[in-house]
Protein backbone atom coordinates (compact mmCIF):
# COMPACT_ATOMS: atom_id res chain seq x y z
CA MET A 1 71.48 31.27 39.23
CA ARG A 2 71.87 29.58 42.60
CA THR A 3 75.39 28.74 43.72
CA MET A 4 76.58 26.22 46.27
CA HIS A 5 77.75 27.36 49.71
CA SER A 6 76.78 24.42 51.90
CA SER A 7 76.62 20.66 51.98
CA ALA A 8 73.23 20.64 50.22
CA LEU A 9 74.65 18.84 47.20
CA PRO A 10 72.31 18.46 44.21
CA VAL A 11 73.75 14.93 43.79
CA LYS A 12 71.43 12.36 45.34
CA THR A 13 74.09 9.94 46.60
CA SER A 14 77.01 9.93 48.98
CA ARG A 15 78.29 6.49 47.94
CA PHE A 16 77.70 3.75 45.39
CA GLN A 17 79.38 0.58 44.20
CA LEU A 18 81.13 -0.34 40.97
CA LEU A 19 82.47 -3.90 40.64
CA ASN A 20 82.27 -4.31 44.42
CA HIS A 21 84.30 -1.13 45.05
CA THR A 22 82.55 1.46 47.20
CA ILE A 23 82.97 4.95 45.76
CA THR A 24 82.29 7.86 48.11
CA VAL A 25 81.15 11.31 47.01
CA LYS A 26 82.45 14.20 49.08
CA GLU A 27 82.03 17.94 49.00
CA PHE A 28 85.10 20.11 49.30
CA PRO A 29 84.17 23.80 49.28
CA ILE A 30 87.51 25.12 48.03
CA ALA A 31 89.15 23.78 44.87
CA PRO A 32 92.92 23.21 45.00
CA ASP A 33 93.26 24.64 41.47
CA ALA A 34 91.30 27.54 40.00
CA GLY A 35 88.74 26.35 37.48
CA GLU A 36 88.65 22.79 38.83
CA TYR A 37 85.20 21.57 39.87
CA GLY A 38 85.92 17.97 40.84
CA ILE A 39 88.22 15.01 40.68
CA ALA A 40 88.03 11.23 40.47
CA ASP A 41 90.55 9.91 42.99
CA TYR A 42 90.97 6.24 42.05
CA PRO A 43 93.33 5.19 44.87
CA LYS A 44 90.87 6.53 47.46
CA ASN A 45 87.73 5.47 45.52
CA GLU A 46 86.48 9.01 45.98
CA ILE A 47 84.74 11.65 43.89
CA ARG A 48 85.49 15.11 45.25
CA LEU A 49 83.20 17.96 44.24
CA TYR A 50 84.39 21.54 44.78
CA THR A 51 81.34 23.65 45.50
CA ASP A 52 82.05 27.12 46.90
CA GLY A 53 80.42 29.64 44.59
CA VAL A 54 79.75 27.00 41.95
CA CYS A 55 76.34 26.79 40.26
CA GLU A 56 74.33 23.70 41.27
CA SER A 57 74.03 22.53 37.67
CA VAL A 58 77.83 22.64 37.31
CA VAL A 59 78.25 20.58 40.51
CA GLU A 60 75.77 18.02 39.20
CA HIS A 61 77.40 17.86 35.77
CA THR A 62 80.80 17.49 37.45
CA PHE A 63 79.53 14.52 39.45
CA TYR A 64 78.48 12.73 36.26
CA HIS A 65 81.76 13.63 34.56
CA GLU A 66 83.72 12.09 37.44
CA LEU A 67 81.36 9.08 37.50
CA VAL A 68 82.21 8.39 33.85
CA HIS A 69 85.92 8.48 34.73
CA PHE A 70 85.25 5.76 37.31
CA LEU A 71 83.12 3.71 34.90
CA PHE A 72 85.91 3.67 32.33
CA HIS A 73 88.54 3.07 35.03
CA TYR A 74 86.82 -0.03 36.38
CA ALA A 75 85.98 -1.21 32.87
CA GLY A 76 89.73 -1.30 32.24
CA ARG A 77 89.53 1.44 29.62
CA SER A 78 91.94 4.08 30.89
CA ASP A 79 92.41 5.10 27.24
CA LEU A 80 88.78 6.26 27.19
CA SER A 81 89.01 7.78 30.67
CA ASP A 82 91.86 9.97 29.43
CA ASP A 83 89.62 11.42 26.69
CA GLU A 84 88.18 14.44 28.52
CA THR A 85 85.87 15.39 25.65
CA LEU A 86 84.32 11.93 25.56
CA VAL A 87 84.06 11.77 29.36
CA ASP A 88 82.42 15.21 29.50
CA THR A 89 79.95 14.37 26.72
CA ILE A 90 78.87 11.07 28.28
CA GLY A 91 78.71 12.71 31.71
CA GLY A 92 76.45 15.42 30.31
CA LEU A 93 74.22 12.84 28.65
CA LEU A 94 73.91 10.86 31.90
CA ALA A 95 73.08 14.05 33.81
CA GLN A 96 70.37 14.95 31.31
CA TYR A 97 68.95 11.44 31.42
CA GLU A 98 68.79 11.53 35.23
CA GLN A 99 67.19 15.01 35.28
CA THR A 100 64.53 14.26 32.66
CA LYS A 101 63.52 10.64 33.27
CA ARG A 102 59.87 10.15 34.19
C-alpha cells in the first residue's frame, strides 16, 4: 500500500468549473482533525485533500466525495449534500467509473 507524502496527487486536476465557478483542488499534508481526509470549502470554492500518510486510493476517493458535495451545493440541494452516506456512495461510484472507463 503506497501512501502520499508529496504533491504527486492521484487526482488528475487542479481546478475545474461548475456553473461558471472555478473550483480549485489543493493538497494539504496535515489534516486539522484526526481522521479527516478532505473538505469542500464552499466560500473559497476549494477542495482540500489531506495527504500525509494517506493511501492514494483514499485520497482519490476523498476527491470524488468532496466533488459530490460541490455538485449538490451548486445544484441547490444542500439537503442531499448533508447526507454523508449518499455523498460517499456517489463519490465512490464516480471514482470507480473514472478508474475503470475504457
